Amino acid sequence: MNAPVNPKKLIKGALGDWEVVIGMEIHAQVTSRSKLFSGAPTAFGAEPNDNVSLVDAAMPGMLPVINRECVAQAVRTGLGLKAQINHRSVFDRKNYFYPDLPQGYQISQYKSPIVGEGEVLVDLPDGASITVGIERLHLEQDAGKSLHDQDPLRIVAGFLTDRKLASRPVAIEETLRYFAVDALQRTLPGIRLVSANPVVRGCRMVKTPAEIALMQMATDVTIAAYRWTQPRVERGMTGAEIGALMNAATRALGGAPEFALALIGPAAALPHGSREVHRVADGQVVLMDCGCTVQGYQSDVSRTWVHGAATIEQRRVWDQVARGQQVALAAARIGVAAGSVDDAVRRYYGSLGYGPDYRLPGLSHRTGHGIGMDGHEPVNLVRGETTKLAAGMCFSNEPGLYLPGRFGVRLEDCFHMTPAGPRWFSEPPRSIDAPV
C-alpha cells in the first residue's frame, strides 16, 4: 500500500500533483444457515417477519449469542485476503432506527474488527496487475432484504386489527421513541395506550443468576482497571488524560468502556463535573466515576483519593461517605421500599450537620440507581420510591458528600439483592490511603 506512485497516474493540479484514491465499502452475506446472533433461519424468499426469533424481535431479557460458523467464515475470508486476523475482536452498538432492527441499534464492529489489513491482486486486461489494499473486514447483523415501501406502524396497526386486538389496551415500553407512539395513534385513532412498565420492569429489574454473573464480570474489569490506573495518576494530569488511562486499561482487560469521569479539586464538588480544565496537584481530591460493559451488562464504580497527603477535613469527609455507604447497605432489606434506603442515609448525614434533605453542602443526588443492561435503569434508591426491594434487583450505592467550591467525595459500589439481603459486586475501599 506504500509502493511508489506511477507519475503517469497523477493528475496535475494548481498546487501540485494529485493521486486519486477511491475507497469502496462492499457488503457480502455470510454463508450460514442461521443468523449472526440468533438461531433464526436465513432462508431467502420467506414472508416478512417469518425468520424471526425472540432475540431478533428485541424482547426484554433476550441476549445475542454469536454464530460460530460466521466467525469461522470471516477468518477464512481474511486468510484468503492475506489479511491480519485480530486475536481480539469487539462488537459495538450502532444506534439508529430502522424497521428491520426492532431493538433500535445494529450490532456491528467499530474499533476492533475481526480482520485487519490485507490485499487483493487484480489482473488487468493489458497483462499488468495492481494490488488493492484492504483496510478491514468486520461482521455485523443486517437485514437479508429490506422493504422500503412499507410503514412499520401501519403493519402493527394491521396486525392488531386483523386479530381483533385494537380494542384492547396496548402496552408501550417506556423507552420507545415518541414518533412510533404518535404514528400508531394516528393510524388507529381509538387505540388505548398504557404503560408496559408492570411487564417490562418485572423482566428488567429482577436479574437472573446469569445476568448477575455478567455484571460481576464487568465490575471485576472496572476494579482491575482502577488498580492499574490509580498509581499512574501524576501531578499535572487533566481529567481527560486520567480517563484515557482508565479506558485503555478497561479495553485491555476485555471490557467495553462506557464512561471514565475524573474530577479534580473543586470540580469534584460537582457530581458530573465542570467545563473547566483542572490539573492534578498535591493536596487535591481526585474523584473518578467509571464503568464498562461486558456482554451487554454494565458496571458503575466511583473512587476518591487525594494526590499526596490528605488534610484532616478531607479524611473526615471520606470516612463519613464510607459510613454512608454502610448505612445504605444496612437499610437495603427484602420487602422495604427502595426510597427508605435514601431516607436512612439522609438521616445519618443530617445528624452530622449536612443538608438538610438535598441541600448543599451534603448529598444533592439520589443514594443509588438501578443498573443492568443500562447504566441507569429503574428503580432508584430515592425519596418517595415505593417499589419494594426483591431478590435479583441491582443498585448502585453512592451517597457522596459535596462541599461547593472546595471538594467532593463519592464512593460508589453496586450490590444485588439476595434472599438473605444485599451482596456487593465490589467491596468498598477501606481508607482514603488505600482507595482502590
Protein backbone atom coordinates (compact mmCIF):
# COMPACT_ATOMS: atom_id res chain seq x y z
CA MET A 1 0.00 0.00 0.00
CA ASN A 2 3.05 2.24 0.34
CA ALA A 3 4.51 1.45 -3.11
CA PRO A 4 5.72 4.46 -5.16
CA VAL A 5 3.05 6.03 -7.37
CA ASN A 6 3.44 5.86 -11.15
CA PRO A 7 3.83 9.53 -12.27
CA LYS A 8 1.66 8.80 -15.31
CA LYS A 9 -1.30 8.16 -12.99
CA LEU A 10 -1.06 11.51 -11.22
CA ILE A 11 -3.37 14.42 -12.04
CA LYS A 12 -1.86 17.85 -12.47
CA GLY A 13 -3.26 20.49 -10.15
CA ALA A 14 -2.65 24.17 -9.43
CA LEU A 15 -0.90 23.32 -6.15
CA GLY A 16 0.83 20.14 -7.28
CA ASP A 17 0.20 16.61 -8.48
CA TRP A 18 -2.79 14.70 -7.12
CA GLU A 19 -3.23 10.97 -6.63
CA VAL A 20 -6.80 9.73 -6.86
CA VAL A 21 -7.64 7.25 -4.09
CA ILE A 22 -11.03 5.55 -4.32
CA GLY A 23 -12.44 3.77 -1.28
CA MET A 24 -15.18 1.18 -1.57
CA GLU A 25 -17.39 -0.46 1.03
CA ILE A 26 -18.61 -3.89 -0.03
CA HIS A 27 -21.36 -5.82 1.77
CA ALA A 28 -21.40 -9.60 1.44
CA GLN A 29 -23.70 -12.12 3.06
CA VAL A 30 -22.01 -14.76 5.21
CA THR A 31 -22.96 -18.26 4.13
CA SER A 32 -24.65 -19.81 7.16
CA ARG A 33 -27.97 -21.49 7.87
CA SER A 34 -28.79 -19.22 10.81
CA LYS A 35 -28.34 -15.55 11.65
CA LEU A 36 -25.30 -13.91 13.19
CA PHE A 37 -26.76 -13.55 16.69
CA SER A 38 -29.78 -15.89 16.76
CA GLY A 39 -30.90 -19.32 15.65
CA ALA A 40 -33.47 -17.95 13.20
CA PRO A 41 -33.02 -19.28 9.63
CA THR A 42 -31.57 -17.19 6.81
CA ALA A 43 -33.67 -18.77 4.03
CA PHE A 44 -34.35 -16.19 1.28
CA GLY A 45 -37.85 -15.51 -0.04
CA ALA A 46 -39.88 -16.06 3.13
CA GLU A 47 -42.75 -13.77 4.06
CA PRO A 48 -41.84 -10.68 6.13
CA ASN A 49 -41.17 -11.42 9.81
CA ASP A 50 -41.19 -15.21 9.33
CA ASN A 51 -37.49 -15.77 10.04
CA VAL A 52 -37.51 -14.01 13.41
CA SER A 53 -36.52 -15.17 16.89
CA LEU A 54 -37.11 -13.52 20.26
CA VAL A 55 -33.58 -12.07 20.04
CA ASP A 56 -34.31 -10.52 16.61
CA ALA A 57 -37.55 -9.07 17.95
CA ALA A 58 -35.64 -7.42 20.84
CA MET A 59 -37.80 -8.98 23.52
CA PRO A 60 -36.73 -7.94 27.04
CA GLY A 61 -34.04 -10.12 28.56
CA MET A 62 -33.03 -11.78 25.29
CA LEU A 63 -29.25 -11.89 24.75
CA PRO A 64 -27.48 -12.29 21.40
CA VAL A 65 -25.14 -15.26 21.01
CA ILE A 66 -22.50 -15.18 18.27
CA ASN A 67 -22.78 -17.74 15.45
CA ARG A 68 -19.53 -19.74 15.48
CA GLU A 69 -19.75 -20.56 11.77
CA CYS A 70 -19.98 -16.87 10.85
CA VAL A 71 -16.77 -16.19 12.78
CA ALA A 72 -15.06 -19.08 11.00
CA GLN A 73 -16.20 -17.76 7.61
CA ALA A 74 -14.82 -14.31 8.41
CA VAL A 75 -11.47 -15.77 9.41
CA ARG A 76 -11.33 -17.86 6.21
CA THR A 77 -12.06 -14.74 4.17
CA GLY A 78 -9.31 -12.85 5.98
CA LEU A 79 -6.81 -15.61 5.28
CA GLY A 80 -7.79 -15.54 1.60
CA LEU A 81 -7.09 -11.80 1.55
CA LYS A 82 -3.67 -12.33 3.20
CA ALA A 83 -5.01 -10.12 5.96
CA GLN A 84 -4.22 -9.77 9.63
CA ILE A 85 -6.52 -11.92 11.79
CA ASN A 86 -7.07 -9.99 15.01
CA HIS A 87 -6.89 -12.12 18.15
CA ARG A 88 -9.17 -9.66 19.91
CA SER A 89 -12.40 -8.62 18.22
CA VAL A 90 -15.14 -6.47 19.78
CA PHE A 91 -18.78 -5.88 18.84
CA ASP A 92 -20.34 -2.43 19.27
CA ARG A 93 -23.79 -0.88 19.08
CA LYS A 94 -24.51 1.32 16.08
CA ASN A 95 -27.60 3.24 17.14
CA TYR A 96 -30.24 4.01 14.56
CA PHE A 97 -33.90 3.21 13.97
CA TYR A 98 -34.82 1.05 11.01
CA PRO A 99 -37.76 -1.34 10.56
CA ASP A 100 -35.52 -4.39 10.15
CA LEU A 101 -33.93 -3.94 13.61
CA PRO A 102 -36.58 -3.61 16.33
CA GLN A 103 -34.01 -3.05 19.10
CA GLY A 104 -33.12 0.33 17.59
CA TYR A 105 -29.44 -0.45 17.09
CA GLN A 106 -27.27 -2.64 14.90
CA ILE A 107 -24.65 -4.93 16.41
CA SER A 108 -21.55 -4.14 14.38
CA GLN A 109 -17.79 -3.70 14.83
CA TYR A 110 -16.07 -0.34 15.08
CA LYS A 111 -12.59 -0.06 16.56
CA SER A 112 -11.72 -3.76 16.84
CA PRO A 113 -12.85 -5.68 13.73
CA ILE A 114 -12.22 -9.39 13.30
CA VAL A 115 -9.92 -8.89 10.28
CA GLY A 116 -7.36 -6.15 9.74
CA GLU A 117 -5.35 -5.00 6.73
CA GLY A 118 -4.93 -7.27 3.70
CA GLU A 119 -4.68 -7.09 -0.07
CA VAL A 120 -6.18 -8.33 -3.34
CA LEU A 121 -4.14 -8.78 -6.52
CA VAL A 122 -6.13 -7.65 -9.60
CA ASP A 123 -5.07 -8.71 -13.12
CA LEU A 124 -5.75 -6.06 -15.79
CA PRO A 125 -6.66 -6.70 -19.46
CA ASP A 126 -3.28 -5.38 -20.64
CA GLY A 127 -1.47 -8.06 -18.65
CA ALA A 128 -0.44 -5.74 -15.84
CA SER A 129 -1.62 -6.21 -12.27
CA ILE A 130 -2.35 -3.92 -9.36
CA THR A 131 -2.60 -4.53 -5.63
CA VAL A 132 -5.71 -3.22 -3.93
CA GLY A 133 -5.32 -2.68 -0.20
CA ILE A 134 -8.00 -3.98 2.19
CA GLU A 135 -8.39 -1.82 5.29
CA ARG A 136 -10.61 -4.12 7.33
CA LEU A 137 -13.33 -6.75 7.35
CA HIS A 138 -15.93 -6.78 10.08
CA LEU A 139 -19.04 -8.76 10.99
CA GLU A 140 -22.38 -7.09 11.59
CA GLN A 141 -26.02 -8.01 11.69
CA ASP A 142 -28.13 -6.74 8.79
CA ALA A 143 -31.36 -7.45 7.02
CA GLY A 144 -31.26 -10.00 4.20
CA LYS A 145 -33.96 -7.98 2.48
CA SER A 146 -35.49 -4.62 3.35
CA LEU A 147 -38.86 -3.48 2.02
CA HIS A 148 -38.60 0.31 1.95
CA ASP A 149 -42.17 0.97 0.81
CA GLN A 150 -43.79 -0.36 3.98
CA ASP A 151 -44.88 1.63 7.01
CA PRO A 152 -43.89 -0.41 10.08
CA LEU A 153 -46.51 1.21 12.32
CA ARG A 154 -49.23 0.57 9.73
CA ILE A 155 -48.18 -3.08 9.80
CA VAL A 156 -48.50 -3.10 13.59
CA ALA A 157 -51.93 -1.48 13.32
CA GLY A 158 -52.96 -4.09 10.74
CA PHE A 159 -51.79 -6.89 13.00
CA LEU A 160 -53.81 -5.54 15.92
CA THR A 161 -56.91 -5.04 13.74
CA ASP A 162 -56.74 -8.44 12.00
CA ARG A 163 -56.53 -10.25 15.32
CA LYS A 164 -59.26 -8.11 16.90
CA LEU A 165 -56.82 -6.68 19.45
CA ALA A 166 -57.17 -2.99 18.55
CA SER A 167 -59.97 -2.52 21.07
CA ARG A 168 -57.79 -3.79 23.91
CA PRO A 169 -55.14 -1.79 25.79
CA VAL A 170 -51.75 -1.77 24.05
CA ALA A 171 -48.76 -1.50 26.38
CA ILE A 172 -45.85 0.78 25.41
CA GLU A 173 -42.34 0.21 26.75
CA GLU A 174 -41.12 3.42 28.41
CA THR A 175 -38.05 3.98 26.20
CA LEU A 176 -39.95 3.70 22.90
CA ARG A 177 -39.48 6.85 20.83
CA TYR A 178 -42.37 9.29 20.55
CA PHE A 179 -42.64 9.18 16.76
CA ALA A 180 -43.58 5.48 16.93
CA VAL A 181 -46.29 6.10 19.52
CA ASP A 182 -47.57 9.14 17.59
CA ALA A 183 -47.75 7.20 14.29
CA LEU A 184 -49.62 4.32 15.93
CA GLN A 185 -52.16 6.71 17.44
CA ARG A 186 -52.68 8.42 14.08
CA THR A 187 -53.12 5.09 12.32
CA LEU A 188 -55.54 3.78 14.98
CA PRO A 189 -57.18 6.93 16.44
CA GLY A 190 -59.22 5.00 19.00
CA ILE A 191 -56.38 2.92 20.39
CA ARG A 192 -55.84 2.96 24.15
CA LEU A 193 -52.17 3.03 25.08
CA VAL A 194 -50.97 2.10 28.56
CA SER A 195 -47.60 1.72 30.24
CA ALA A 196 -45.78 -1.59 29.81
CA ASN A 197 -43.80 -0.98 33.00
CA PRO A 198 -45.58 -3.69 35.02
CA VAL A 199 -44.39 -6.26 32.45
CA VAL A 200 -41.06 -4.89 31.22
CA ARG A 201 -39.79 -3.66 34.56
CA GLY A 202 -40.63 -7.06 36.01
CA CYS A 203 -38.20 -8.55 33.47
CA ARG A 204 -35.51 -5.88 33.73
CA MET A 205 -35.45 -5.10 37.46
CA VAL A 206 -35.04 -8.67 38.67
CA LYS A 207 -31.87 -10.21 37.24
CA THR A 208 -31.22 -13.89 36.69
CA PRO A 209 -28.07 -15.57 38.06
CA ALA A 210 -26.56 -15.41 34.55
CA GLU A 211 -27.20 -11.67 34.32
CA ILE A 212 -25.70 -11.10 37.77
CA ALA A 213 -22.64 -13.12 36.74
CA LEU A 214 -22.10 -10.83 33.73
CA MET A 215 -22.47 -7.75 35.93
CA GLN A 216 -19.90 -9.26 38.28
CA MET A 217 -17.50 -9.72 35.36
CA ALA A 218 -18.00 -6.10 34.29
CA THR A 219 -17.35 -4.91 37.85
CA ASP A 220 -14.24 -7.07 38.13
CA VAL A 221 -12.88 -5.46 34.96
CA THR A 222 -13.54 -1.95 36.30
CA ILE A 223 -11.90 -2.67 39.65
CA ALA A 224 -8.84 -4.17 37.94
CA ALA A 225 -8.64 -1.13 35.64
CA TYR A 226 -8.77 1.17 38.70
CA ARG A 227 -5.93 -0.75 40.32
CA TRP A 228 -3.81 -0.23 37.21
CA THR A 229 -4.79 3.41 36.67
CA GLN A 230 -4.69 4.96 40.14
CA PRO A 231 -0.92 4.52 40.77
CA ARG A 232 -0.21 6.08 37.35
CA VAL A 233 -2.02 9.35 38.05
CA GLU A 234 0.62 12.06 38.16
CA ARG A 235 0.84 15.71 39.06
CA GLY A 236 -0.25 17.96 36.17
CA MET A 237 -2.58 15.43 34.55
CA THR A 238 -6.04 16.52 33.42
CA GLY A 239 -9.25 14.62 33.98
CA ALA A 240 -9.37 13.67 30.31
CA GLU A 241 -5.86 12.21 30.46
CA ILE A 242 -6.74 10.15 33.52
CA GLY A 243 -9.93 8.94 31.83
CA ALA A 244 -7.92 7.86 28.78
CA LEU A 245 -5.70 5.72 31.01
CA MET A 246 -8.75 4.11 32.56
CA ASN A 247 -10.38 3.40 29.22
CA ALA A 248 -7.19 1.86 27.84
CA ALA A 249 -6.93 -0.44 30.85
CA THR A 250 -10.59 -1.40 30.56
CA ARG A 251 -10.19 -2.37 26.91
CA ALA A 252 -7.05 -4.38 27.65
CA LEU A 253 -8.98 -6.30 30.30
CA GLY A 254 -11.78 -7.19 27.89
CA GLY A 255 -14.41 -4.59 28.81
CA ALA A 256 -16.05 -2.00 26.59
CA PRO A 257 -15.69 1.43 28.29
CA GLU A 258 -18.94 3.28 28.92
CA PHE A 259 -17.59 6.32 30.77
CA ALA A 260 -14.46 7.38 32.66
CA LEU A 261 -15.08 10.63 34.55
CA ALA A 262 -12.17 12.11 36.51
CA LEU A 263 -12.87 15.23 38.57
CA ILE A 264 -10.07 17.17 40.25
CA GLY A 265 -10.12 19.63 43.15
CA PRO A 266 -13.18 21.92 43.22
CA ALA A 267 -14.64 20.10 40.20
CA ALA A 268 -15.15 17.09 42.49
CA ALA A 269 -17.80 19.13 44.32
CA LEU A 270 -19.91 18.98 41.15
CA PRO A 271 -21.29 15.41 40.76
CA HIS A 272 -21.00 15.49 36.96
CA GLY A 273 -18.03 17.78 36.67
CA SER A 274 -17.17 21.15 35.19
CA ARG A 275 -16.25 22.58 31.79
CA GLU A 276 -13.08 24.00 33.28
CA VAL A 277 -9.85 22.05 32.89
CA HIS A 278 -8.34 21.13 36.25
CA ARG A 279 -4.95 19.51 36.76
CA VAL A 280 -3.79 17.17 39.49
CA ALA A 281 -1.83 18.92 42.23
CA ASP A 282 -0.59 17.95 45.67
CA GLY A 283 -3.39 18.03 48.22
CA GLN A 284 -6.13 17.95 45.56
CA VAL A 285 -9.00 15.49 45.61
CA VAL A 286 -9.30 13.17 42.60
CA LEU A 287 -12.79 11.69 42.12
CA MET A 288 -13.31 9.07 39.42
CA ASP A 289 -16.61 7.57 38.24
CA CYS A 290 -16.13 4.77 35.70
CA GLY A 291 -17.98 1.86 34.17
CA CYS A 292 -17.85 -0.63 31.34
CA THR A 293 -19.95 -3.22 29.55
CA VAL A 294 -19.33 -6.97 29.35
CA GLN A 295 -21.67 -8.94 27.10
CA GLY A 296 -24.32 -6.21 27.33
CA TYR A 297 -24.27 -5.69 31.13
CA GLN A 298 -22.73 -2.73 32.90
CA SER A 299 -20.64 -1.78 35.91
CA ASP A 300 -20.51 1.54 37.77
CA VAL A 301 -17.81 2.25 40.37
CA SER A 302 -16.57 5.52 41.89
CA ARG A 303 -13.37 6.06 43.85
CA THR A 304 -11.96 9.17 45.58
CA TRP A 305 -8.49 9.88 46.89
CA VAL A 306 -6.09 12.77 47.49
CA HIS A 307 -2.93 13.24 45.45
CA GLY A 308 -0.25 13.48 48.10
CA ALA A 309 -1.18 13.97 51.74
CA ALA A 310 -4.85 14.36 52.71
CA THR A 311 -5.98 17.04 55.18
CA ILE A 312 -7.88 16.23 58.35
CA GLU A 313 -11.08 17.56 56.76
CA GLN A 314 -10.64 15.51 53.59
CA ARG A 315 -10.15 12.38 55.69
CA ARG A 316 -13.19 13.17 57.82
CA VAL A 317 -15.50 13.64 54.82
CA TRP A 318 -14.13 10.50 53.13
CA ASP A 319 -14.82 8.46 56.28
CA GLN A 320 -18.34 9.91 56.53
CA VAL A 321 -19.13 8.86 52.95
CA ALA A 322 -17.70 5.39 53.62
CA ARG A 323 -20.02 5.16 56.62
CA GLY A 324 -22.90 6.45 54.47
CA GLN A 325 -22.41 3.51 52.12
CA GLN A 326 -22.69 1.10 55.03
CA VAL A 327 -25.84 2.86 56.31
CA ALA A 328 -27.41 2.42 52.87
CA LEU A 329 -26.43 -1.25 52.71
CA ALA A 330 -27.84 -1.93 56.16
CA ALA A 331 -31.15 -0.30 55.17
CA ALA A 332 -31.49 -2.37 51.98
CA ARG A 333 -33.61 -5.32 53.08
CA ILE A 334 -36.01 -7.56 51.21
CA GLY A 335 -39.52 -6.09 51.24
CA VAL A 336 -38.65 -2.50 52.23
CA ALA A 337 -39.45 0.44 49.95
CA ALA A 338 -36.49 1.49 47.77
CA GLY A 339 -36.94 5.08 48.95
CA SER A 340 -36.34 4.10 52.57
CA VAL A 341 -32.67 3.42 51.77
CA ASP A 342 -32.25 7.03 50.66
CA ASP A 343 -34.11 8.21 53.77
CA ALA A 344 -31.72 6.32 56.07
CA VAL A 345 -28.66 7.93 54.51
CA ARG A 346 -30.13 11.44 54.76
CA ARG A 347 -30.98 10.93 58.42
CA TYR A 348 -27.36 9.96 59.07
CA TYR A 349 -25.94 12.90 57.10
CA GLY A 350 -28.40 15.24 58.79
CA SER A 351 -27.06 14.13 62.19
CA LEU A 352 -23.62 15.27 61.00
CA GLY A 353 -24.88 18.74 60.08
CA TYR A 354 -25.21 18.27 56.31
CA GLY A 355 -28.28 19.29 54.29
CA PRO A 356 -30.97 19.13 55.29
CA ASP A 357 -32.50 16.91 52.61
CA TYR A 358 -30.87 17.53 49.20
CA ARG A 359 -29.26 20.86 50.10
CA LEU A 360 -25.54 21.56 49.95
CA PRO A 361 -23.13 21.01 51.49
CA GLY A 362 -24.42 17.47 51.60
CA LEU A 363 -25.84 14.80 49.29
CA SER A 364 -27.52 16.52 46.33
CA HIS A 365 -28.49 13.41 44.35
CA ARG A 366 -30.18 10.06 44.95
CA THR A 367 -28.37 7.45 47.01
CA GLY A 368 -28.41 4.97 44.13
CA HIS A 369 -29.91 3.88 40.84
CA GLY A 370 -30.88 0.62 39.23
CA ILE A 371 -28.32 -0.94 36.90
CA GLY A 372 -28.18 -3.80 34.43
CA MET A 373 -28.19 -3.66 30.64
CA ASP A 374 -28.31 0.13 31.05
CA GLY A 375 -26.08 2.05 33.41
CA HIS A 376 -29.14 3.81 34.85
CA GLU A 377 -32.42 1.94 34.86
CA PRO A 378 -35.47 1.70 37.15
CA VAL A 379 -35.88 1.78 40.01
CA ASN A 380 -33.86 4.27 42.06
CA LEU A 381 -32.91 4.50 45.71
CA VAL A 382 -34.51 7.91 46.01
CA ARG A 383 -37.01 9.60 48.29
CA GLY A 384 -40.60 8.60 47.62
CA GLU A 385 -39.85 5.41 45.62
CA THR A 386 -42.32 2.84 46.95
CA THR A 387 -41.20 -0.20 44.94
CA LYS A 388 -40.29 -3.00 47.34
CA LEU A 389 -36.80 -4.47 47.19
CA ALA A 390 -36.71 -8.06 45.96
CA ALA A 391 -34.07 -10.71 45.30
CA GLY A 392 -32.34 -10.13 41.96
CA MET A 393 -32.63 -6.34 42.00
CA CYS A 394 -29.34 -4.48 41.41
CA PHE A 395 -28.42 -0.97 42.55
CA SER A 396 -25.55 1.47 42.86
CA ASN A 397 -24.70 2.69 46.36
CA GLU A 398 -23.15 6.17 46.03
CA PRO A 399 -24.08 8.60 48.84
CA GLY A 400 -21.50 11.27 48.04
CA LEU A 401 -20.89 14.43 50.00
CA TYR A 402 -20.19 17.69 48.16
CA LEU A 403 -18.72 20.93 49.53
CA PRO A 404 -19.25 23.59 46.81
CA GLY A 405 -16.11 25.42 45.72
CA ARG A 406 -13.86 23.10 47.69
CA PHE A 407 -14.10 19.35 47.01
CA GLY A 408 -16.40 16.36 46.99
CA VAL A 409 -16.15 12.70 47.88
CA ARG A 410 -18.07 9.90 46.17
CA LEU A 411 -17.59 6.20 46.81
CA GLU A 412 -19.77 4.03 44.62
CA ASP A 413 -20.15 0.27 44.67
CA CYS A 414 -23.05 -1.71 43.28
CA PHE A 415 -24.89 -4.50 45.05
CA HIS A 416 -27.56 -7.06 44.23
CA MET A 417 -30.33 -8.25 46.50
CA THR A 418 -30.38 -11.88 47.64
CA PRO A 419 -32.99 -13.61 49.85
CA ALA A 420 -30.59 -13.02 52.75
CA GLY A 421 -30.03 -9.35 51.94
CA PRO A 422 -27.68 -7.23 49.80
CA ARG A 423 -24.38 -8.52 48.40
CA TRP A 424 -21.64 -6.33 46.97
CA PHE A 425 -20.42 -6.62 43.40
CA SER A 426 -17.29 -4.78 44.59
CA GLU A 427 -16.07 -4.31 48.14
CA PRO A 428 -15.82 -0.63 49.16
CA PRO A 429 -12.30 0.70 49.84
CA ARG A 430 -11.08 0.75 53.42
CA SER A 431 -9.46 4.17 53.65
CA ILE A 432 -8.53 7.29 51.71
CA ASP A 433 -4.96 5.99 51.71
CA ALA A 434 -6.00 2.71 50.04
CA PRO A 435 -8.71 3.98 47.68
CA VAL A 436 -8.76 1.05 45.23
